[in-house]
C-alpha atoms as a PDB file:
ATOM      1  CA  MET A   1     -18.587  63.350 -36.383  1.00  0.00           C
ATOM      2  CA  PRO A   2     -16.177  65.034 -38.800  1.00  0.00           C
ATOM      3  CA  SER A   3     -15.420  68.679 -38.090  1.00  0.00           C
ATOM      4  CA  LEU A   4     -15.604  71.462 -40.661  1.00  0.00           C
ATOM      5  CA  GLN A   5     -13.285  74.421 -40.405  1.00  0.00           C
ATOM      6  CA  VAL A   6     -13.427  77.560 -42.523  1.00  0.00           C
ATOM      7  CA  SER A   7     -10.547  80.002 -42.247  1.00  0.00           C
ATOM      8  CA  LEU A   8      -9.561  83.205 -43.967  1.00  0.00           C
ATOM      9  CA  GLY A   9      -5.917  83.858 -44.712  1.00  0.00           C
ATOM     10  CA  GLN A  10      -3.719  85.970 -46.861  1.00  0.00           C
ATOM     11  CA  ALA A  11      -3.012  84.636 -50.341  1.00  0.00           C
ATOM     12  CA  SER A  12       0.642  83.783 -50.842  1.00  0.00           C
ATOM     13  CA  THR A  13       0.665  83.188 -54.618  1.00  0.00           C
ATOM     14  CA  PRO A  14      -0.966  84.927 -57.633  1.00  0.00           C
ATOM     15  CA  ALA A  15      -2.758  81.677 -58.476  1.00  0.00           C
ATOM     16  CA  GLN A  16      -4.629  81.771 -55.170  1.00  0.00           C
ATOM     17  CA  VAL A  17      -5.706  85.353 -55.842  1.00  0.00           C
ATOM     18  CA  ALA A  18      -6.924  84.436 -59.328  1.00  0.00           C
ATOM     19  CA  THR A  19      -8.929  81.499 -57.967  1.00  0.00           C
ATOM     20  CA  THR A  20     -10.567  83.714 -55.347  1.00  0.00           C
ATOM     21  CA  VAL A  21     -11.551  86.283 -57.954  1.00  0.00           C
ATOM     22  CA  GLN A  22     -13.002  83.548 -60.176  1.00  0.00           C
ATOM     23  CA  VAL A  23     -15.113  82.239 -57.291  1.00  0.00           C
ATOM     24  CA  LEU A  24     -16.424  85.732 -56.553  1.00  0.00           C
ATOM     25  CA  LEU A  25     -17.271  86.299 -60.213  1.00  0.00           C
ATOM     26  CA  LEU A  26     -19.038  82.933 -60.390  1.00  0.00           C
ATOM     27  CA  LEU A  27     -21.151  83.735 -57.320  1.00  0.00           C
ATOM     28  CA  THR A  28     -22.037  87.129 -58.810  1.00  0.00           C
ATOM     29  CA  VAL A  29     -23.122  85.560 -62.090  1.00  0.00           C
ATOM     30  CA  LEU A  30     -25.216  82.945 -60.280  1.00  0.00           C
ATOM     31  CA  ALA A  31     -26.906  85.699 -58.236  1.00  0.00           C
ATOM     32  CA  ILE A  32     -28.009  87.734 -61.266  1.00  0.00           C
ATOM     33  CA  ALA A  33     -28.600  84.815 -63.646  1.00  0.00           C
ATOM     34  CA  PRO A  34     -32.286  84.255 -62.675  1.00  0.00           C
ATOM     35  CA  ALA A  35     -33.145  87.912 -63.284  1.00  0.00           C
ATOM     36  CA  VAL A  36     -31.330  87.905 -66.626  1.00  0.00           C
ATOM     37  CA  LEU A  37     -33.037  84.705 -67.755  1.00  0.00           C
ATOM     38  CA  ILE A  38     -36.454  86.066 -66.752  1.00  0.00           C
ATOM     39  CA  LEU A  39     -35.892  89.181 -68.857  1.00  0.00           C
ATOM     40  CA  MET A  40     -34.854  87.074 -71.868  1.00  0.00           C
ATOM     41  CA  THR A  41     -37.918  84.816 -71.942  1.00  0.00           C
ATOM     42  CA  SER A  42     -41.689  85.160 -72.144  1.00  0.00           C
ATOM     43  CA  PHE A  43     -42.025  85.217 -68.344  1.00  0.00           C
ATOM     44  CA  THR A  44     -42.337  89.006 -68.075  1.00  0.00           C
ATOM     45  CA  ARG A  45     -45.363  89.314 -70.368  1.00  0.00           C
ATOM     46  CA  ILE A  46     -47.128  86.327 -68.815  1.00  0.00           C
ATOM     47  CA  ILE A  47     -46.748  87.356 -65.169  1.00  0.00           C
ATOM     48  CA  VAL A  48     -47.771  90.969 -65.881  1.00  0.00           C
ATOM     49  CA  VAL A  49     -50.927  89.879 -67.731  1.00  0.00           C
ATOM     50  CA  LEU A  50     -51.843  87.442 -64.950  1.00  0.00           C
ATOM     51  CA  SER A  51     -51.372  90.235 -62.414  1.00  0.00           C
ATOM     52  CA  PHE A  52     -53.677  92.453 -64.482  1.00  0.00           C
ATOM     53  CA  VAL A  53     -56.338  89.728 -64.429  1.00  0.00           C
ATOM     54  CA  ARG A  54     -56.218  89.538 -60.652  1.00  0.00           C
ATOM     55  CA  SER A  55     -56.297  93.322 -60.304  1.00  0.00           C
ATOM     56  CA  ALA A  56     -59.253  93.616 -62.696  1.00  0.00           C
ATOM     57  CA  LEU A  57     -61.180  91.042 -60.693  1.00  0.00           C
ATOM     58  CA  ALA A  58     -60.283  92.905 -57.471  1.00  0.00           C
ATOM     59  CA  THR A  59     -59.976  89.621 -55.607  1.00  0.00           C
ATOM     60  CA  GLY A  60     -57.027  90.774 -53.508  1.00  0.00           C
ATOM     61  CA  THR A  61     -54.574  87.921 -53.132  1.00  0.00           C
ATOM     62  CA  MET A  62     -56.691  85.348 -54.947  1.00  0.00           C
ATOM     63  CA  PRO A  63     -55.150  83.530 -56.747  1.00  0.00           C
ATOM     64  CA  PRO A  64     -52.067  83.673 -54.486  1.00  0.00           C
ATOM     65  CA  ASN A  65     -48.740  84.913 -55.793  1.00  0.00           C
ATOM     66  CA  GLN A  66     -47.297  81.408 -55.636  1.00  0.00           C
ATOM     67  CA  VAL A  67     -49.989  80.129 -58.010  1.00  0.00           C
ATOM     68  CA  LEU A  68     -49.513  82.977 -60.488  1.00  0.00           C
ATOM     69  CA  VAL A  69     -45.728  82.645 -60.505  1.00  0.00           C
ATOM     70  CA  GLY A  70     -45.910  78.850 -60.851  1.00  0.00           C
ATOM     71  CA  LEU A  71     -48.388  79.122 -63.719  1.00  0.00           C
ATOM     72  CA  ALA A  72     -46.225  81.779 -65.377  1.00  0.00           C
ATOM     73  CA  LEU A  73     -43.158  79.534 -65.097  1.00  0.00           C
ATOM     74  CA  PHE A  74     -44.871  76.554 -66.730  1.00  0.00           C
ATOM     75  CA  LEU A  75     -46.363  78.746 -69.459  1.00  0.00           C
ATOM     76  CA  THR A  76     -42.877  80.134 -70.047  1.00  0.00           C
ATOM     77  CA  LEU A  77     -41.504  76.622 -70.458  1.00  0.00           C
ATOM     78  CA  PHE A  78     -44.343  75.874 -72.890  1.00  0.00           C
ATOM     79  CA  VAL A  79     -43.704  78.997 -74.985  1.00  0.00           C
ATOM     80  CA  MET A  80     -39.927  78.603 -74.873  1.00  0.00           C
ATOM     81  CA  SER A  81     -39.967  74.850 -75.574  1.00  0.00           C
ATOM     82  CA  LYS A  82     -38.772  75.251 -79.172  1.00  0.00           C
ATOM     83  CA  PRO A  83     -35.815  77.617 -78.448  1.00  0.00           C
ATOM     84  CA  LEU A  84     -34.842  75.603 -75.372  1.00  0.00           C
ATOM     85  CA  GLY A  85     -35.008  72.378 -77.371  1.00  0.00           C
ATOM     86  CA  GLN A  86     -32.737  73.843 -80.028  1.00  0.00           C
ATOM     87  CA  ILE A  87     -30.278  75.040 -77.390  1.00  0.00           C
ATOM     88  CA  TYR A  88     -30.249  71.593 -75.796  1.00  0.00           C
ATOM     89  CA  SER A  89     -29.761  69.650 -79.032  1.00  0.00           C
ATOM     90  CA  GLN A  90     -27.456  72.049 -80.893  1.00  0.00           C
ATOM     91  CA  ALA A  91     -25.343  73.453 -78.073  1.00  0.00           C
ATOM     92  CA  TRP A  92     -25.521  71.451 -74.851  1.00  0.00           C
ATOM     93  CA  LEU A  93     -25.358  67.902 -76.211  1.00  0.00           C
ATOM     94  CA  PRO A  94     -22.393  68.580 -78.565  1.00  0.00           C
ATOM     95  CA  TYR A  95     -20.550  70.416 -75.787  1.00  0.00           C
ATOM     96  CA  GLN A  96     -21.232  67.612 -73.305  1.00  0.00           C
ATOM     97  CA  ALA A  97     -19.930  65.098 -75.840  1.00  0.00           C
ATOM     98  CA  GLY A  98     -16.783  67.167 -76.328  1.00  0.00           C
ATOM     99  CA  HIS A  99     -17.433  67.929 -79.982  1.00  0.00           C
ATOM    100  CA  ILE A 100     -17.397  71.731 -79.560  1.00  0.00           C
ATOM    101  CA  THR A 101     -15.771  74.167 -77.164  1.00  0.00           C
ATOM    102  CA  LEU A 102     -17.554  76.220 -74.524  1.00  0.00           C
ATOM    103  CA  GLN A 103     -17.261  79.381 -76.623  1.00  0.00           C
ATOM    104  CA  ALA A 104     -18.801  77.617 -79.624  1.00  0.00           C
ATOM    105  CA  ALA A 105     -21.599  76.214 -77.451  1.00  0.00           C
ATOM    106  CA  ILE A 106     -22.446  79.694 -76.114  1.00  0.00           C
ATOM    107  CA  ALA A 107     -22.433  81.155 -79.627  1.00  0.00           C
ATOM    108  CA  THR A 108     -24.715  78.364 -80.844  1.00  0.00           C
ATOM    109  CA  ALA A 109     -27.071  78.744 -77.878  1.00  0.00           C
ATOM    110  CA  GLU A 110     -27.443  82.473 -78.569  1.00  0.00           C
ATOM    111  CA  VAL A 111     -28.999  81.937 -82.005  1.00  0.00           C
ATOM    112  CA  PRO A 112     -32.416  80.439 -81.017  1.00  0.00           C
ATOM    113  CA  LEU A 113     -32.754  82.798 -78.070  1.00  0.00           C
ATOM    114  CA  ARG A 114     -31.838  85.834 -80.149  1.00  0.00           C
ATOM    115  CA  THR A 115     -34.295  84.787 -82.871  1.00  0.00           C
ATOM    116  CA  PHE A 116     -37.131  84.523 -80.349  1.00  0.00           C
ATOM    117  CA  MET A 117     -36.341  87.873 -78.741  1.00  0.00           C
ATOM    118  CA  LEU A 118     -36.052  89.682 -82.067  1.00  0.00           C
ATOM    119  CA  ALA A 119     -39.433  88.313 -83.164  1.00  0.00           C
ATOM    120  CA  GLN A 120     -41.105  89.855 -80.085  1.00  0.00           C
ATOM    121  CA  THR A 121     -39.173  93.153 -80.048  1.00  0.00           C
ATOM    122  CA  ARG A 122     -40.585  96.253 -81.710  1.00  0.00           C
ATOM    123  CA  PRO A 123     -38.217  97.876 -84.225  1.00  0.00           C
ATOM    124  CA  SER A 124     -38.633 101.276 -82.543  1.00  0.00           C
ATOM    125  CA  ASP A 125     -37.579  99.898 -79.148  1.00  0.00           C
ATOM    126  CA  LEU A 126     -34.604  98.118 -80.685  1.00  0.00           C
ATOM    127  CA  ALA A 127     -33.576 101.246 -82.602  1.00  0.00           C
ATOM    128  CA  LEU A 128     -33.693 103.283 -79.387  1.00  0.00           C
ATOM    129  CA  PHE A 129     -31.096 101.218 -77.561  1.00  0.00           C
ATOM    130  CA  VAL A 130     -28.956 100.670 -80.654  1.00  0.00           C
ATOM    131  CA  HIS A 131     -28.864 104.437 -81.193  1.00  0.00           C
ATOM    132  CA  MET A 132     -28.064 105.149 -77.535  1.00  0.00           C
ATOM    133  CA  GLN A 133     -25.325 102.515 -77.639  1.00  0.00           C
ATOM    134  CA  GLY A 134     -23.785 104.173 -80.682  1.00  0.00           C
ATOM    135  CA  SER A 135     -23.455 100.934 -82.626  1.00  0.00           C
ATOM    136  CA  HIS A 136     -24.312 100.414 -86.287  1.00  0.00           C
ATOM    137  CA  PRO A 137     -25.250  96.743 -86.842  1.00  0.00           C
ATOM    138  CA  VAL A 138     -25.720  95.641 -90.422  1.00  0.00           C
ATOM    139  CA  ASN A 139     -28.700  93.401 -89.574  1.00  0.00           C
ATOM    140  CA  PRO A 140     -30.726  92.652 -86.422  1.00  0.00           C
ATOM    141  CA  GLN A 141     -28.735  89.474 -85.772  1.00  0.00           C
ATOM    142  CA  ASP A 142     -25.668  91.649 -85.113  1.00  0.00           C
ATOM    143  CA  VAL A 143     -27.319  93.595 -82.281  1.00  0.00           C
ATOM    144  CA  SER A 144     -25.555  93.020 -78.979  1.00  0.00           C
ATOM    145  CA  PHE A 145     -27.407  91.449 -76.067  1.00  0.00           C
ATOM    146  CA  THR A 146     -26.810  94.591 -73.984  1.00  0.00           C
ATOM    147  CA  ALA A 147     -29.115  96.444 -76.387  1.00  0.00           C
ATOM    148  CA  LEU A 148     -31.440  93.574 -77.268  1.00  0.00           C
ATOM    149  CA  VAL A 149     -32.407  92.583 -73.708  1.00  0.00           C
ATOM    150  CA  PRO A 150     -33.755  96.005 -72.566  1.00  0.00           C
ATOM    151  CA  ALA A 151     -35.464  96.539 -75.936  1.00  0.00           C
ATOM    152  CA  PHE A 152     -37.118  93.126 -75.640  1.00  0.00           C
ATOM    153  CA  THR A 153     -38.157  93.846 -72.045  1.00  0.00           C
ATOM    154  CA  ILE A 154     -39.906  97.156 -72.745  1.00  0.00           C
ATOM    155  CA  SER A 155     -41.594  95.617 -75.786  1.00  0.00           C
ATOM    156  CA  GLU A 156     -42.898  92.823 -73.582  1.00  0.00           C
ATOM    157  CA  LEU A 157     -44.122  95.331 -70.995  1.00  0.00           C
ATOM    158  CA  LYS A 158     -45.933  97.370 -73.637  1.00  0.00           C
ATOM    159  CA  THR A 159     -47.640  94.291 -75.047  1.00  0.00           C
ATOM    160  CA  ALA A 160     -48.603  93.138 -71.548  1.00  0.00           C
ATOM    161  CA  PHE A 161     -50.085  96.541 -70.690  1.00  0.00           C
ATOM    162  CA  GLU A 162     -52.082  96.571 -73.938  1.00  0.00           C
ATOM    163  CA  MET A 163     -53.530  93.166 -73.066  1.00  0.00           C
ATOM    164  CA  GLY A 164     -54.175  94.331 -69.517  1.00  0.00           C
ATOM    165  CA  PHE A 165     -56.153  97.335 -70.814  1.00  0.00           C
ATOM    166  CA  VAL A 166     -58.403  95.036 -72.862  1.00  0.00           C
ATOM    167  CA  ILE A 167     -58.895  92.771 -69.829  1.00  0.00           C
ATOM    168  CA  PHE A 168     -59.903  95.706 -67.615  1.00  0.00           C
ATOM    169  CA  ILE A 169     -62.660  97.065 -69.911  1.00  0.00           C
ATOM    170  CA  PRO A 170     -65.537  94.647 -69.094  1.00  0.00           C
ATOM    171  CA  PHE A 171     -64.826  94.777 -65.368  1.00  0.00           C
ATOM    172  CA  VAL A 172     -64.743  98.578 -65.356  1.00  0.00           C
ATOM    173  CA  VAL A 173     -68.139  98.553 -67.078  1.00  0.00           C
ATOM    174  CA  ILE A 174     -69.518  96.316 -64.326  1.00  0.00           C
ATOM    175  CA  ASP A 175     -68.131  98.663 -61.647  1.00  0.00           C
ATOM    176  CA  MET A 176     -69.702 101.675 -63.351  1.00  0.00           C
ATOM    177  CA  VAL A 177     -73.100  99.987 -63.685  1.00  0.00           C
ATOM    178  CA  VAL A 178     -73.093  98.860 -60.058  1.00  0.00           C
ATOM    179  CA  ALA A 179     -71.942 102.275 -58.800  1.00  0.00           C
ATOM    180  CA  SER A 180     -74.596 104.152 -60.801  1.00  0.00           C
ATOM    181  CA  THR A 181     -77.288 101.710 -59.641  1.00  0.00           C
ATOM    182  CA  LEU A 182     -76.358 102.162 -55.984  1.00  0.00           C
ATOM    183  CA  MET A 183     -76.346 105.945 -56.370  1.00  0.00           C
ATOM    184  CA  SER A 184     -79.777 105.910 -57.999  1.00  0.00           C
ATOM    185  CA  MET A 185     -81.083 103.827 -55.068  1.00  0.00           C
ATOM    186  CA  GLY A 186     -79.577 106.267 -52.584  1.00  0.00           C
ATOM    187  CA  MET A 187     -77.196 103.688 -51.113  1.00  0.00           C
ATOM    188  CA  MET A 188     -74.209 106.031 -51.002  1.00  0.00           C
ATOM    189  CA  LEU A 189     -72.447 104.387 -48.046  1.00  0.00           C
ATOM    190  CA  LEU A 190     -72.418 100.880 -49.511  1.00  0.00           C
ATOM    191  CA  PRO A 191     -69.047 100.200 -51.231  1.00  0.00           C
ATOM    192  CA  PRO A 192     -69.687  99.318 -54.896  1.00  0.00           C
ATOM    193  CA  VAL A 193     -66.817  96.792 -54.796  1.00  0.00           C
ATOM    194  CA  MET A 194     -68.762  94.565 -52.415  1.00  0.00           C
ATOM    195  CA  ILE A 195     -71.620  94.289 -54.928  1.00  0.00           C
ATOM    196  CA  SER A 196     -69.611  94.223 -58.157  1.00  0.00           C
ATOM    197  CA  LEU A 197     -67.113  91.558 -57.041  1.00  0.00           C
ATOM    198  CA  PRO A 198     -69.532  88.585 -57.258  1.00  0.00           C
ATOM    199  CA  PHE A 199     -70.757  89.772 -60.662  1.00  0.00           C
ATOM    200  CA  LYS A 200     -67.200  90.101 -61.985  1.00  0.00           C
ATOM    201  CA  VAL A 201     -66.284  86.638 -60.730  1.00  0.00           C
ATOM    202  CA  LEU A 202     -69.492  85.242 -62.236  1.00  0.00           C
ATOM    203  CA  LEU A 203     -68.776  86.891 -65.594  1.00  0.00           C
ATOM    204  CA  PHE A 204     -65.201  85.597 -65.579  1.00  0.00           C
ATOM    205  CA  VAL A 205     -66.380  82.053 -64.864  1.00  0.00           C
ATOM    206  CA  LEU A 206     -69.212  82.114 -67.424  1.00  0.00           C
ATOM    207  CA  VAL A 207     -66.945  83.202 -70.279  1.00  0.00           C
ATOM    208  CA  ASP A 208     -64.227  80.736 -69.162  1.00  0.00           C
ATOM    209  CA  GLY A 209     -61.852  83.616 -68.472  1.00  0.00           C
ATOM    210  CA  TRP A 210     -58.766  81.593 -67.651  1.00  0.00           C
ATOM    211  CA  HIS A 211     -59.073  79.670 -70.903  1.00  0.00           C
ATOM    212  CA  LEU A 212     -59.421  82.893 -72.895  1.00  0.00           C
ATOM    213  CA  THR A 213     -56.516  84.494 -71.041  1.00  0.00           C
ATOM    214  CA  MET A 214     -54.200  81.538 -71.668  1.00  0.00           C
ATOM    215  CA  GLN A 215     -55.256  81.387 -75.314  1.00  0.00           C
ATOM    216  CA  SER A 216     -54.625  85.100 -75.814  1.00  0.00           C
ATOM    217  CA  LEU A 217     -51.232  84.858 -74.122  1.00  0.00           C
ATOM    218  CA  LEU A 218     -50.078  81.915 -76.213  1.00  0.00           C
ATOM    219  CA  LEU A 219     -51.321  83.440 -79.457  1.00  0.00           C
ATOM    220  CA  SER A 220     -49.592  86.733 -78.675  1.00  0.00           C
ATOM    221  CA  PHE A 221     -46.172  85.119 -79.153  1.00  0.00           C
ATOM    222  CA  HIS A 222     -45.114  84.814 -82.758  1.00  0.00           C
END
């Protein structure tokens, strides 16, 4: 069996130091890349709305987190199919063929992603971060990603919370009706959640709740 040895030693040349720093920077970028990509796609809105659905139903861990995250990932791929397709055809394929440089590929890949994010970002949220940054872009396409990403994220959170509020309303009504009925019958010690849970699940199934939720999510992106 071949042996593997890993040793740490002092760098003897500036080139070795530069290579070490590049490796550390690459590992840092790879560590934060998933979080950055999540905040630059439709994943945030989708997973928050799905979490609101589960909380409104009060089903605890049903559906499990793995199911919600997996569904959110595939819905994200569905929503982002057009920008990702443009990035693949306009940036990745020419770069892989050697027709453009890495810098040109990155600049080309930014355009579809920036267009999608700007379409979902509220002007007030974008103006907030642009003002705090102290920049004065001529048009929205000139806004830096350091200002666009947080503005896009809080816009997505606001939209998700608005949708979550609408989702909660019918289930809150069911809880109120069940609680008032139990109080009128003198059954104070019986938890209303035990009675309202089957009715909420039944209502959600009868109206085809998952279909309506997916439809509302997909139509919310423009």
